[in-house]
């Protein structure tokens, strides 16, 4: 398990090349990569998108790459373009009947007259430095995510631990509550029967009473919540894969059971325990949004 929040950076200086890479990641439903780097390094986008998922499976990732290449450039003069620009300038001067000589600085500034032989996409040294810098930054970001995941795991386990005794406390009130509810309804039925003398009314009312009391039975909800807690803890111990979506689904199911529990069994004695359960589940639900 990893957190989707992480930060990593790296810096390499070698053979007059300086490379800086900074990576920031926050939670997201999918892997959303935003790249900020010089246009001349666009050839390196594909290696980034290929390597990054090996370290970060999900989240909104911002990657910034800065490069300073201080190596002596390999320049060459394109004589054909130089002569062509000179001829065009001479033709323009003749057409306008002007006696103007074109300067050499002007011709050399024209596009393509001075060419660079440094093909960055084919520069093995540059590619090696970029790749090494990227892996270092990704490694630091991954370590940051794994470190935060340890704190997240501890908090989630503490929440599950807090829910269990609250469930036990609620369970202890089930039988007394059923008896109290049954006795109260029996007295009301006796009053009604004494007032209205109808054939078989008492038996029918007792049947309705049994069904009414059964509606307030929360044993099934308690059992399912305990089962969800065990499944949740087992997922936390799973060290492989993206378990964030699984944990999110489990917390949604737990939240549904807790709401049903509260609607059925919110008594003065159990309200505080139901509140604890709901608060802990909601806290877990928010935390697992940042887990991958």
C-alpha atoms as a PDB file:
ATOM      1  CA  UNK A   1       0.000   0.000   0.000  1.00  0.00           C
ATOM      2  CA  UNK A   2       1.186   3.495  -0.850  1.00  0.00           C
ATOM      3  CA  UNK A   3      -0.086   6.967  -0.247  1.00  0.00           C
ATOM      4  CA  UNK A   4      -0.821   8.976  -3.376  1.00  0.00           C
ATOM      5  CA  UNK A   5       0.774  12.047  -1.800  1.00  0.00           C
ATOM      6  CA  UNK A   6       4.507  12.189  -2.354  1.00  0.00           C
ATOM      7  CA  UNK A   7       7.416  14.399  -3.303  1.00  0.00           C
ATOM      8  CA  UNK A   8      10.761  13.663  -4.877  1.00  0.00           C
ATOM      9  CA  UNK A   9      13.562  15.596  -6.515  1.00  0.00           C
ATOM     10  CA  UNK A  10      16.988  14.887  -7.965  1.00  0.00           C
ATOM     11  CA  UNK A  11      19.953  16.797  -9.352  1.00  0.00           C
ATOM     12  CA  UNK A  12      22.779  15.498 -11.522  1.00  0.00           C
ATOM     13  CA  UNK A  13      25.804  17.428 -12.761  1.00  0.00           C
ATOM     14  CA  UNK A  14      28.039  15.544 -15.150  1.00  0.00           C
ATOM     15  CA  UNK A  15      30.145  16.375 -18.220  1.00  0.00           C
ATOM     16  CA  UNK A  16      28.916  19.990 -18.298  1.00  0.00           C
ATOM     17  CA  UNK A  17      25.284  18.883 -18.170  1.00  0.00           C
ATOM     18  CA  UNK A  18      23.024  19.864 -15.270  1.00  0.00           C
ATOM     19  CA  UNK A  19      19.653  18.198 -14.858  1.00  0.00           C
ATOM     20  CA  UNK A  20      16.973  18.856 -12.227  1.00  0.00           C
ATOM     21  CA  UNK A  21      13.745  16.900 -11.872  1.00  0.00           C
ATOM     22  CA  UNK A  22      11.009  17.613  -9.321  1.00  0.00           C
ATOM     23  CA  UNK A  23       7.958  15.366  -8.832  1.00  0.00           C
ATOM     24  CA  UNK A  24       4.818  16.161  -6.839  1.00  0.00           C
ATOM     25  CA  UNK A  25       1.896  13.772  -6.480  1.00  0.00           C
ATOM     26  CA  UNK A  26      -1.549  14.117  -4.921  1.00  0.00           C
ATOM     27  CA  UNK A  27      -4.574  11.842  -4.871  1.00  0.00           C
ATOM     28  CA  UNK A  28      -6.576  11.135  -8.015  1.00  0.00           C
ATOM     29  CA  UNK A  29      -8.840   8.462  -9.438  1.00  0.00           C
ATOM     30  CA  UNK A  30      -6.427   7.687 -12.278  1.00  0.00           C
ATOM     31  CA  UNK A  31      -2.818   8.354 -13.212  1.00  0.00           C
ATOM     32  CA  UNK A  32      -2.868  11.927 -14.499  1.00  0.00           C
ATOM     33  CA  UNK A  33       0.602  13.143 -15.498  1.00  0.00           C
ATOM     34  CA  UNK A  34       1.352  16.832 -16.105  1.00  0.00           C
ATOM     35  CA  UNK A  35       4.758  17.504 -17.685  1.00  0.00           C
ATOM     36  CA  UNK A  36       6.675  20.772 -17.629  1.00  0.00           C
ATOM     37  CA  UNK A  37       9.958  20.648 -19.570  1.00  0.00           C
ATOM     38  CA  UNK A  38      11.773  22.438 -22.437  1.00  0.00           C
ATOM     39  CA  UNK A  39      10.357  21.833 -25.898  1.00  0.00           C
ATOM     40  CA  UNK A  40      13.677  20.486 -27.185  1.00  0.00           C
ATOM     41  CA  UNK A  41      13.355  17.618 -24.686  1.00  0.00           C
ATOM     42  CA  UNK A  42       9.954  16.507 -25.982  1.00  0.00           C
ATOM     43  CA  UNK A  43      11.569  13.262 -27.172  1.00  0.00           C
ATOM     44  CA  UNK A  44      11.955  12.294 -23.486  1.00  0.00           C
ATOM     45  CA  UNK A  45       8.210  12.378 -22.797  1.00  0.00           C
ATOM     46  CA  UNK A  46       7.694   8.801 -23.952  1.00  0.00           C
ATOM     47  CA  UNK A  47      10.377   7.332 -21.610  1.00  0.00           C
ATOM     48  CA  UNK A  48       8.838   9.317 -18.729  1.00  0.00           C
ATOM     49  CA  UNK A  49       5.346   7.959 -19.390  1.00  0.00           C
ATOM     50  CA  UNK A  50       6.753   4.454 -19.699  1.00  0.00           C
ATOM     51  CA  UNK A  51       8.890   4.472 -16.525  1.00  0.00           C
ATOM     52  CA  UNK A  52       6.648   6.481 -14.168  1.00  0.00           C
ATOM     53  CA  UNK A  53       3.848   3.852 -13.767  1.00  0.00           C
ATOM     54  CA  UNK A  54       6.448   1.442 -12.374  1.00  0.00           C
ATOM     55  CA  UNK A  55       6.735   3.746  -9.345  1.00  0.00           C
ATOM     56  CA  UNK A  56       3.367   5.559  -9.176  1.00  0.00           C
ATOM     57  CA  UNK A  57       0.214   3.640 -10.122  1.00  0.00           C
ATOM     58  CA  UNK A  58      -2.441   6.293  -9.468  1.00  0.00           C
ATOM     59  CA  UNK A  59      -2.708   9.985  -8.651  1.00  0.00           C
ATOM     60  CA  UNK A  60      -2.274  13.450 -10.120  1.00  0.00           C
ATOM     61  CA  UNK A  61       1.446  13.811 -10.801  1.00  0.00           C
ATOM     62  CA  UNK A  62       3.283  17.006 -11.669  1.00  0.00           C
ATOM     63  CA  UNK A  63       6.790  16.573 -13.108  1.00  0.00           C
ATOM     64  CA  UNK A  64       9.137  19.485 -13.807  1.00  0.00           C
ATOM     65  CA  UNK A  65      12.395  19.001 -15.706  1.00  0.00           C
ATOM     66  CA  UNK A  66      15.080  21.664 -16.110  1.00  0.00           C
ATOM     67  CA  UNK A  67      18.237  21.166 -18.174  1.00  0.00           C
ATOM     68  CA  UNK A  68      21.378  23.239 -18.553  1.00  0.00           C
ATOM     69  CA  UNK A  69      23.685  21.949 -21.298  1.00  0.00           C
ATOM     70  CA  UNK A  70      27.020  23.771 -21.011  1.00  0.00           C
ATOM     71  CA  UNK A  71      28.855  21.625 -23.540  1.00  0.00           C
ATOM     72  CA  UNK A  72      30.503  23.304 -26.517  1.00  0.00           C
ATOM     73  CA  UNK A  73      27.942  23.238 -29.333  1.00  0.00           C
ATOM     74  CA  UNK A  74      28.793  21.602 -32.637  1.00  0.00           C
ATOM     75  CA  UNK A  75      27.953  24.210 -35.254  1.00  0.00           C
ATOM     76  CA  UNK A  76      28.162  24.080 -39.051  1.00  0.00           C
ATOM     77  CA  UNK A  77      27.632  26.646 -41.797  1.00  0.00           C
ATOM     78  CA  UNK A  78      25.012  25.892 -44.422  1.00  0.00           C
ATOM     79  CA  UNK A  79      26.664  27.577 -47.405  1.00  0.00           C
ATOM     80  CA  UNK A  80      23.764  26.897 -49.768  1.00  0.00           C
ATOM     81  CA  UNK A  81      21.310  28.796 -47.551  1.00  0.00           C
ATOM     82  CA  UNK A  82      23.851  31.559 -46.973  1.00  0.00           C
ATOM     83  CA  UNK A  83      24.301  32.127 -50.739  1.00  0.00           C
ATOM     84  CA  UNK A  84      20.560  31.906 -51.366  1.00  0.00           C
ATOM     85  CA  UNK A  85      19.765  34.552 -48.755  1.00  0.00           C
ATOM     86  CA  UNK A  86      22.498  36.780 -50.255  1.00  0.00           C
ATOM     87  CA  UNK A  87      21.095  36.388 -53.773  1.00  0.00           C
ATOM     88  CA  UNK A  88      17.551  37.199 -52.614  1.00  0.00           C
ATOM     89  CA  UNK A  89      18.792  40.337 -50.814  1.00  0.00           C
ATOM     90  CA  UNK A  90      20.695  41.422 -53.945  1.00  0.00           C
ATOM     91  CA  UNK A  91      17.599  40.891 -56.106  1.00  0.00           C
ATOM     92  CA  UNK A  92      15.516  42.967 -53.699  1.00  0.00           C
ATOM     93  CA  UNK A  93      18.073  45.807 -53.765  1.00  0.00           C
ATOM     94  CA  UNK A  94      18.116  45.784 -57.600  1.00  0.00           C
ATOM     95  CA  UNK A  95      14.314  45.760 -57.798  1.00  0.00           C
ATOM     96  CA  UNK A  96      14.103  48.798 -55.528  1.00  0.00           C
ATOM     97  CA  UNK A  97      17.070  50.490 -57.240  1.00  0.00           C
ATOM     98  CA  UNK A  98      18.951  50.668 -53.962  1.00  0.00           C
ATOM     99  CA  UNK A  99      22.674  50.362 -53.477  1.00  0.00           C
ATOM    100  CA  UNK A 100      22.702  48.628 -50.140  1.00  0.00           C
ATOM    101  CA  UNK A 101      25.151  45.952 -49.158  1.00  0.00           C
ATOM    102  CA  UNK A 102      23.852  43.215 -46.900  1.00  0.00           C
ATOM    103  CA  UNK A 103      25.910  42.654 -43.745  1.00  0.00           C
ATOM    104  CA  UNK A 104      27.376  39.281 -42.886  1.00  0.00           C
ATOM    105  CA  UNK A 105      25.799  39.417 -39.394  1.00  0.00           C
ATOM    106  CA  UNK A 106      22.379  39.802 -41.015  1.00  0.00           C
ATOM    107  CA  UNK A 107      22.899  36.766 -43.242  1.00  0.00           C
ATOM    108  CA  UNK A 108      24.215  34.601 -40.420  1.00  0.00           C
ATOM    109  CA  UNK A 109      21.143  35.449 -38.324  1.00  0.00           C
ATOM    110  CA  UNK A 110      18.791  33.993 -40.942  1.00  0.00           C
ATOM    111  CA  UNK A 111      17.126  30.669 -39.990  1.00  0.00           C
ATOM    112  CA  UNK A 112      19.075  27.582 -40.944  1.00  0.00           C
ATOM    113  CA  UNK A 113      22.271  29.348 -42.000  1.00  0.00           C
ATOM    114  CA  UNK A 114      24.042  28.170 -38.848  1.00  0.00           C
ATOM    115  CA  UNK A 115      23.090  24.602 -38.019  1.00  0.00           C
ATOM    116  CA  UNK A 116      23.763  22.594 -34.898  1.00  0.00           C
ATOM    117  CA  UNK A 117      24.904  19.003 -35.219  1.00  0.00           C
ATOM    118  CA  UNK A 118      23.827  18.198 -31.660  1.00  0.00           C
ATOM    119  CA  UNK A 119      20.796  15.949 -32.113  1.00  0.00           C
ATOM    120  CA  UNK A 120      19.488  15.735 -28.531  1.00  0.00           C
ATOM    121  CA  UNK A 121      17.226  12.795 -29.284  1.00  0.00           C
ATOM    122  CA  UNK A 122      20.292  10.810 -30.365  1.00  0.00           C
ATOM    123  CA  UNK A 123      22.611  12.063 -27.620  1.00  0.00           C
ATOM    124  CA  UNK A 124      23.361   8.939 -25.575  1.00  0.00           C
ATOM    125  CA  UNK A 125      25.071  10.836 -22.751  1.00  0.00           C
ATOM    126  CA  UNK A 126      22.150  13.237 -22.358  1.00  0.00           C
ATOM    127  CA  UNK A 127      19.601  10.415 -22.447  1.00  0.00           C
ATOM    128  CA  UNK A 128      21.548   8.499 -19.806  1.00  0.00           C
ATOM    129  CA  UNK A 129      21.638  11.528 -17.485  1.00  0.00           C
ATOM    130  CA  UNK A 130      17.938  12.276 -17.996  1.00  0.00           C
ATOM    131  CA  UNK A 131      16.953   8.681 -17.282  1.00  0.00           C
ATOM    132  CA  UNK A 132      19.152   8.449 -14.187  1.00  0.00           C
ATOM    133  CA  UNK A 133      17.805  11.736 -12.834  1.00  0.00           C
ATOM    134  CA  UNK A 134      14.226  10.608 -13.453  1.00  0.00           C
ATOM    135  CA  UNK A 135      14.693   7.291 -11.640  1.00  0.00           C
ATOM    136  CA  UNK A 136      16.309   9.030  -8.654  1.00  0.00           C
ATOM    137  CA  UNK A 137      13.401  11.483  -8.334  1.00  0.00           C
ATOM    138  CA  UNK A 138      10.823   8.719  -8.724  1.00  0.00           C
ATOM    139  CA  UNK A 139      12.594   6.599  -6.122  1.00  0.00           C
ATOM    140  CA  UNK A 140      12.507   9.465  -3.633  1.00  0.00           C
ATOM    141  CA  UNK A 141       8.819  10.122  -4.342  1.00  0.00           C
ATOM    142  CA  UNK A 142       7.987   6.427  -3.904  1.00  0.00           C
ATOM    143  CA  UNK A 143       9.865   6.286  -0.585  1.00  0.00           C
ATOM    144  CA  UNK A 144       7.911   9.336   0.578  1.00  0.00           C
ATOM    145  CA  UNK A 145       4.625   7.652  -0.367  1.00  0.00           C
ATOM    146  CA  UNK A 146       5.544   4.411   1.409  1.00  0.00           C
ATOM    147  CA  UNK A 147       6.577   6.294   4.542  1.00  0.00           C
ATOM    148  CA  UNK A 148       3.271   8.156   4.660  1.00  0.00           C
ATOM    149  CA  UNK A 149       1.443   4.882   4.024  1.00  0.00           C
ATOM    150  CA  UNK A 150       2.835   3.502   7.294  1.00  0.00           C
ATOM    151  CA  UNK A 151       1.225   6.367   9.215  1.00  0.00           C
ATOM    152  CA  UNK A 152      -2.020   5.873   7.286  1.00  0.00           C
ATOM    153  CA  UNK A 153      -2.038   2.156   8.097  1.00  0.00           C
ATOM    154  CA  UNK A 154      -1.558   2.881  11.789  1.00  0.00           C
ATOM    155  CA  UNK A 155      -4.443   5.385  11.843  1.00  0.00           C
ATOM    156  CA  UNK A 156      -6.787   3.054   9.960  1.00  0.00           C
ATOM    157  CA  UNK A 157      -6.043   0.161  12.300  1.00  0.00           C
ATOM    158  CA  UNK A 158      -6.653   2.380  15.324  1.00  0.00           C
ATOM    159  CA  UNK A 159     -10.055   3.332  13.879  1.00  0.00           C
ATOM    160  CA  UNK A 160     -11.014  -0.298  13.321  1.00  0.00           C
ATOM    161  CA  UNK A 161      -9.886  -1.053  16.872  1.00  0.00           C
ATOM    162  CA  UNK A 162     -12.119   1.740  18.193  1.00  0.00           C
ATOM    163  CA  UNK A 163     -15.166   0.426  16.301  1.00  0.00           C
ATOM    164  CA  UNK A 164     -15.037  -3.123  17.687  1.00  0.00           C
ATOM    165  CA  UNK A 165     -15.625  -2.307  21.408  1.00  0.00           C
ATOM    166  CA  UNK A 166     -18.378   0.144  20.423  1.00  0.00           C
ATOM    167  CA  UNK A 167     -20.122  -2.687  18.565  1.00  0.00           C
ATOM    168  CA  UNK A 168     -19.720  -4.977  21.588  1.00  0.00           C
ATOM    169  CA  UNK A 169     -21.238  -2.322  23.837  1.00  0.00           C
ATOM    170  CA  UNK A 170     -24.222  -1.948  21.505  1.00  0.00           C
ATOM    171  CA  UNK A 171     -24.665  -5.721  21.307  1.00  0.00           C
ATOM    172  CA  UNK A 172     -24.967  -5.881  25.101  1.00  0.00           C
ATOM    173  CA  UNK A 173     -28.062  -3.645  24.906  1.00  0.00           C
ATOM    174  CA  UNK A 174     -29.893  -5.692  22.252  1.00  0.00           C
ATOM    175  CA  UNK A 175     -31.623  -8.196  24.582  1.00  0.00           C
ATOM    176  CA  UNK A 176     -32.684  -5.620  27.246  1.00  0.00           C
ATOM    177  CA  UNK A 177     -33.996  -3.308  24.532  1.00  0.00           C
ATOM    178  CA  UNK A 178     -36.050  -6.084  22.915  1.00  0.00           C
ATOM    179  CA  UNK A 179     -37.552  -7.043  26.286  1.00  0.00           C
ATOM    180  CA  UNK A 180     -38.338  -3.440  27.146  1.00  0.00           C
ATOM    181  CA  UNK A 181     -39.889  -2.840  23.752  1.00  0.00           C
ATOM    182  CA  UNK A 182     -41.933  -6.033  23.955  1.00  0.00           C
ATOM    183  CA  UNK A 183     -43.231  -5.321  27.477  1.00  0.00           C
ATOM    184  CA  UNK A 184     -44.155  -1.760  26.557  1.00  0.00           C
ATOM    185  CA  UNK A 185     -46.069  -2.845  23.496  1.00  0.00           C
ATOM    186  CA  UNK A 186     -47.801  -5.661  25.388  1.00  0.00           C
ATOM    187  CA  UNK A 187     -49.196  -3.173  27.893  1.00  0.00           C
ATOM    188  CA  UNK A 188     -50.491  -0.955  25.126  1.00  0.00           C
ATOM    189  CA  UNK A 189     -52.065  -3.949  23.421  1.00  0.00           C
ATOM    190  CA  UNK A 190     -53.737  -4.996  26.679  1.00  0.00           C
ATOM    191  CA  UNK A 191     -55.265  -1.529  26.992  1.00  0.00           C
ATOM    192  CA  UNK A 192     -56.513  -1.650  23.419  1.00  0.00           C
ATOM    193  CA  UNK A 193     -57.967  -5.125  23.809  1.00  0.00           C
ATOM    194  CA  UNK A 194     -59.736  -4.086  26.990  1.00  0.00           C
ATOM    195  CA  UNK A 195     -61.293  -1.136  25.207  1.00  0.00           C
ATOM    196  CA  UNK A 196     -62.272  -2.818  21.928  1.00  0.00           C
ATOM    197  CA  UNK A 197     -63.636  -6.349  22.216  1.00  0.00           C
ATOM    198  CA  UNK A 198     -62.997  -7.895  18.804  1.00  0.00           C
ATOM    199  CA  UNK A 199     -62.674 -11.579  17.979  1.00  0.00           C
ATOM    200  CA  UNK A 200     -59.051 -12.846  17.685  1.00  0.00           C
ATOM    201  CA  UNK A 201     -57.794  -9.280  18.009  1.00  0.00           C
ATOM    202  CA  UNK A 202     -55.332 -10.119  20.791  1.00  0.00           C
ATOM    203  CA  UNK A 203     -53.700 -12.920  18.822  1.00  0.00           C
ATOM    204  CA  UNK A 204     -53.386 -10.792  15.705  1.00  0.00           C
ATOM    205  CA  UNK A 205     -51.911  -7.909  17.664  1.00  0.00           C
ATOM    206  CA  UNK A 206     -49.343 -10.196  19.287  1.00  0.00           C
ATOM    207  CA  UNK A 207     -48.290 -11.413  15.852  1.00  0.00           C
ATOM    208  CA  UNK A 208     -47.906  -7.840  14.675  1.00  0.00           C
ATOM    209  CA  UNK A 209     -45.961  -7.100  17.839  1.00  0.00           C
ATOM    210  CA  UNK A 210     -43.531  -9.926  17.167  1.00  0.00           C
ATOM    211  CA  UNK A 211     -42.939  -8.633  13.639  1.00  0.00           C
ATOM    212  CA  UNK A 212     -42.550  -5.069  14.930  1.00  0.00           C
ATOM    213  CA  UNK A 213     -39.940  -6.080  17.518  1.00  0.00           C
ATOM    214  CA  UNK A 214     -38.130  -8.176  14.923  1.00  0.00           C
ATOM    215  CA  UNK A 215     -37.714  -5.075  12.747  1.00  0.00           C
ATOM    216  CA  UNK A 216     -35.531  -3.600  15.475  1.00  0.00           C
ATOM    217  CA  UNK A 217     -33.189  -6.591  15.533  1.00  0.00           C
ATOM    218  CA  UNK A 218     -29.707  -5.322  14.623  1.00  0.00           C
ATOM    219  CA  UNK A 219     -27.795  -8.554  15.055  1.00  0.00           C
ATOM    220  CA  UNK A 220     -27.358  -8.889  11.294  1.00  0.00           C
ATOM    221  CA  UNK A 221     -25.961  -5.365  10.905  1.00  0.00           C
ATOM    222  CA  UNK A 222     -23.527  -5.910  13.788  1.00  0.00           C
ATOM    223  CA  UNK A 223     -22.377  -9.199  12.267  1.00  0.00           C
ATOM    224  CA  UNK A 224     -21.800  -7.617   8.857  1.00  0.00           C
ATOM    225  CA  UNK A 225     -19.878  -4.701  10.366  1.00  0.00           C
ATOM    226  CA  UNK A 226     -17.561  -7.100  12.188  1.00  0.00           C
ATOM    227  CA  UNK A 227     -17.045  -9.021   8.967  1.00  0.00           C
ATOM    228  CA  UNK A 228     -16.207  -5.781   7.123  1.00  0.00           C
ATOM    229  CA  UNK A 229     -13.691  -4.865   9.843  1.00  0.00           C
ATOM    230  CA  UNK A 230     -11.885  -8.208   9.399  1.00  0.00           C
ATOM    231  CA  UNK A 231     -11.836  -7.795   5.600  1.00  0.00           C
ATOM    232  CA  UNK A 232     -10.565  -4.219   5.961  1.00  0.00           C
ATOM    233  CA  UNK A 233      -7.698  -5.293   8.235  1.00  0.00           C
ATOM    234  CA  UNK A 234      -6.756  -8.130   5.880  1.00  0.00           C
ATOM    235  CA  UNK A 235      -6.542  -5.661   2.990  1.00  0.00           C
ATOM    236  CA  UNK A 236      -4.261  -3.411   5.040  1.00  0.00           C
ATOM    237  CA  UNK A 237      -1.842  -6.302   5.478  1.00  0.00           C
ATOM    238  CA  UNK A 238      -1.820  -6.906   1.721  1.00  0.00           C
ATOM    239  CA  UNK A 239       1.442  -5.434   0.405  1.00  0.00           C
ATOM    240  CA  UNK A 240       0.730  -5.873  -3.293  1.00  0.00           C
ATOM    241  CA  UNK A 241      -1.465  -4.041  -5.783  1.00  0.00           C
ATOM    242  CA  UNK A 242      -3.668  -0.983  -5.566  1.00  0.00           C
ATOM    243  CA  UNK A 243      -5.878  -1.599  -2.531  1.00  0.00           C
ATOM    244  CA  UNK A 244      -7.219   1.950  -2.275  1.00  0.00           C
ATOM    245  CA  UNK A 245     -10.331   1.231  -4.351  1.00  0.00           C
ATOM    246  CA  UNK A 246     -11.039  -1.942  -2.341  1.00  0.00           C
ATOM    247  CA  UNK A 247     -10.734  -0.097   0.977  1.00  0.00           C
ATOM    248  CA  UNK A 248     -12.987   2.657  -0.329  1.00  0.00           C
ATOM    249  CA  UNK A 249     -15.654   0.110  -1.294  1.00  0.00           C
ATOM    250  CA  UNK A 250     -15.457  -1.567   2.134  1.00  0.00           C
ATOM    251  CA  UNK A 251     -15.862   1.764   3.964  1.00  0.00           C
ATOM    252  CA  UNK A 252     -18.917   2.552   1.842  1.00  0.00           C
ATOM    253  CA  UNK A 253     -20.482  -0.764   2.885  1.00  0.00           C
ATOM    254  CA  UNK A 254     -19.579  -0.102   6.519  1.00  0.00           C
ATOM    255  CA  UNK A 255     -21.142   3.342   6.314  1.00  0.00           C
ATOM    256  CA  UNK A 256     -24.357   1.842   4.951  1.00  0.00           C
ATOM    257  CA  UNK A 257     -24.544  -0.688   7.810  1.00  0.00           C
ATOM    258  CA  UNK A 258     -23.776   2.005  10.400  1.00  0.00           C
ATOM    259  CA  UNK A 259     -26.602   4.194   9.079  1.00  0.00           C
ATOM    260  CA  UNK A 260     -29.037   1.286   9.289  1.00  0.00           C
ATOM    261  CA  UNK A 261     -27.797   0.537  12.779  1.00  0.00           C
ATOM    262  CA  UNK A 262     -28.403   4.125  13.841  1.00  0.00           C
ATOM    263  CA  UNK A 263     -31.907   4.262  12.401  1.00  0.00           C
ATOM    264  CA  UNK A 264     -32.916   1.012  14.120  1.00  0.00           C
ATOM    265  CA  UNK A 265     -31.181   1.276  17.439  1.00  0.00           C
ATOM    266  CA  UNK A 266     -30.464   4.894  18.382  1.00  0.00           C
ATOM    267  CA  UNK A 267     -31.355   4.761  22.087  1.00  0.00           C
ATOM    268  CA  UNK A 268     -30.049   6.994  24.891  1.00  0.00           C
ATOM    269  CA  UNK A 269     -27.740   4.153  25.948  1.00  0.00           C
ATOM    270  CA  UNK A 270     -26.355   3.357  22.489  1.00  0.00           C
ATOM    271  CA  UNK A 271     -26.250   6.773  20.811  1.00  0.00           C
ATOM    272  CA  UNK A 272     -22.688   7.557  21.890  1.00  0.00           C
ATOM    273  CA  UNK A 273     -21.417   4.212  20.566  1.00  0.00           C
ATOM    274  CA  UNK A 274     -23.181   4.651  17.237  1.00  0.00           C
ATOM    275  CA  UNK A 275     -21.633   8.112  17.016  1.00  0.00           C
ATOM    276  CA  UNK A 276     -18.165   6.636  17.569  1.00  0.00           C
ATOM    277  CA  UNK A 277     -18.727   4.040  14.849  1.00  0.00           C
ATOM    278  CA  UNK A 278     -19.942   6.601  12.313  1.00  0.00           C
ATOM    279  CA  UNK A 279     -17.125   9.044  13.070  1.00  0.00           C
ATOM    280  CA  UNK A 280     -14.423   6.392  12.709  1.00  0.00           C
ATOM    281  CA  UNK A 281     -15.880   5.031   9.472  1.00  0.00           C
ATOM    282  CA  UNK A 282     -16.150   8.537   7.994  1.00  0.00           C
ATOM    283  CA  UNK A 283     -12.553   9.254   8.989  1.00  0.00           C
ATOM    284  CA  UNK A 284     -11.397   6.048   7.309  1.00  0.00           C
ATOM    285  CA  UNK A 285     -13.452   6.789   4.206  1.00  0.00           C
ATOM    286  CA  UNK A 286     -11.726  10.147   3.785  1.00  0.00           C
ATOM    287  CA  UNK A 287      -8.253   8.715   4.397  1.00  0.00           C
ATOM    288  CA  UNK A 288      -8.512   5.840   1.926  1.00  0.00           C
ATOM    289  CA  UNK A 289      -9.215   8.348  -0.873  1.00  0.00           C
ATOM    290  CA  UNK A 290      -5.468   8.991  -0.745  1.00  0.00           C
ATOM    291  CA  UNK A 291      -4.418   5.340  -0.822  1.00  0.00           C
ATOM    292  CA  UNK A 292      -3.204   3.393  -3.833  1.00  0.00           C
END
